[in-house]
Protein backbone atom coordinates (compact mmCIF):
# COMPACT_ATOMS: atom_id res chain seq x y z
CA MET A 1 6.39 -32.66 -2.99
CA MET A 2 8.61 -29.69 -3.90
CA VAL A 3 7.29 -26.19 -3.24
CA PRO A 4 8.39 -23.71 -5.93
CA LYS A 5 10.72 -21.02 -4.66
CA ASP A 6 9.25 -17.52 -4.55
CA ARG A 7 11.40 -15.43 -6.90
CA ARG A 8 10.20 -12.04 -5.67
CA ALA A 9 12.78 -9.62 -4.29
CA ALA A 10 10.43 -8.56 -1.46
CA PRO A 11 7.51 -10.44 0.15
CA ARG A 12 4.03 -9.40 -0.99
CA PHE A 13 1.16 -8.91 1.39
CA ARG A 14 -2.51 -9.42 0.64
CA ALA A 15 -4.40 -6.20 0.04
CA TYR A 16 -7.80 -5.00 -1.10
CA LYS A 17 -7.36 -1.36 -2.03
CA GLY A 18 -8.77 0.83 -4.75
CA GLY A 19 -6.15 1.96 -7.22
CA LYS A 20 -5.77 3.92 -10.42
CA ILE A 21 -3.60 3.18 -13.44
CA VAL A 22 -2.53 6.54 -14.87
CA PHE A 23 -0.90 7.06 -18.29
CA GLY A 24 -1.01 9.14 -21.48
CA LYS A 25 0.41 12.33 -19.95
CA ARG A 26 -1.92 11.69 -16.99
CA LEU A 27 -5.01 12.08 -19.20
CA CYS A 28 -6.02 8.40 -19.18
CA THR A 29 -6.93 6.28 -16.17
CA PHE A 30 -8.22 2.81 -15.38
CA ASP A 31 -9.62 1.76 -12.02
CA CYS A 32 -8.14 -1.36 -10.47
CA VAL A 33 -8.07 -3.28 -7.21
CA VAL A 34 -4.66 -3.84 -5.62
CA ARG A 35 -4.73 -7.49 -4.44
CA ASP A 36 -1.11 -8.03 -3.40
CA PHE A 37 1.42 -5.34 -2.61
CA SER A 38 5.09 -5.06 -1.67
CA GLU A 39 7.84 -2.49 -1.81
CA ARG A 40 8.84 -3.79 -5.25
CA GLY A 41 5.61 -4.96 -6.92
CA ALA A 42 1.87 -5.51 -6.94
CA ARG A 43 -0.90 -7.64 -8.41
CA LEU A 44 -3.74 -5.58 -9.88
CA LYS A 45 -7.20 -6.92 -10.69
CA MET A 46 -9.22 -5.19 -13.40
CA VAL A 47 -11.76 -5.67 -16.16
CA SER A 48 -9.61 -5.23 -19.29
CA PRO A 49 -5.87 -5.53 -18.62
CA GLU A 50 -5.14 -5.93 -22.34
CA PHE A 51 -5.69 -2.18 -22.80
CA VAL A 52 -3.18 -1.16 -20.12
CA PRO A 53 0.20 0.02 -21.52
CA ASN A 54 3.42 -1.73 -20.51
CA SER A 55 4.41 1.16 -18.21
CA PHE A 56 2.28 3.59 -16.22
CA PHE A 57 1.87 5.21 -12.81
CA LEU A 58 0.10 3.23 -10.08
CA ASN A 59 -1.82 5.51 -7.75
CA ILE A 60 -3.44 4.39 -4.48
CA PRO A 61 -5.30 7.54 -3.37
CA LYS A 62 -6.27 6.27 0.11
CA ASP A 63 -2.59 5.77 0.99
CA GLY A 64 -1.25 8.83 -0.83
CA PHE A 65 0.92 6.42 -2.86
CA GLU A 66 2.15 6.77 -6.43
CA ALA A 67 4.95 4.96 -8.26
CA GLU A 68 6.02 4.10 -11.79
CA ALA A 69 5.05 0.55 -12.68
CA VAL A 70 6.14 -1.85 -15.42
CA VAL A 71 3.97 -4.82 -16.39
CA LYS A 72 5.71 -8.17 -15.84
CA HIS A 73 2.77 -10.49 -16.62
CA ARG A 74 -0.87 -10.38 -17.70
CA SER A 75 -3.86 -12.68 -17.47
CA SER A 76 -7.49 -12.23 -18.48
CA ASP A 77 -8.33 -10.10 -15.42
CA GLU A 78 -5.01 -9.28 -13.68
CA ILE A 79 -1.59 -7.80 -14.22
CA GLY A 80 1.53 -8.17 -12.15
CA VAL A 81 3.78 -5.13 -11.99
CA GLU A 82 7.24 -4.20 -10.78
CA LEU A 83 7.37 -0.83 -9.03
CA SER A 84 10.10 1.75 -9.47
CA PRO A 85 12.48 1.78 -6.51
CA GLU A 86 12.33 5.62 -6.38
CA HIS A 87 8.76 5.82 -4.99
């Protein structure tokens, strides 16, 4: 059986961290849970991903982390994002 090749530029590691999706001139936020994380991307679990814009800031307060994020895929309760390399 063939195993599909992982197309990610950097390996992701499992995580369970509280995060915030920040947009609208930093006036709007959504809470999320960061489930996978790498230098280049993340998988975010949330209640209503359909209301999240295509680009935003991902903030992980516990780690003092913030980066620009662009949505690459969505499902009913998750989004996968690519992170800006300048974080």
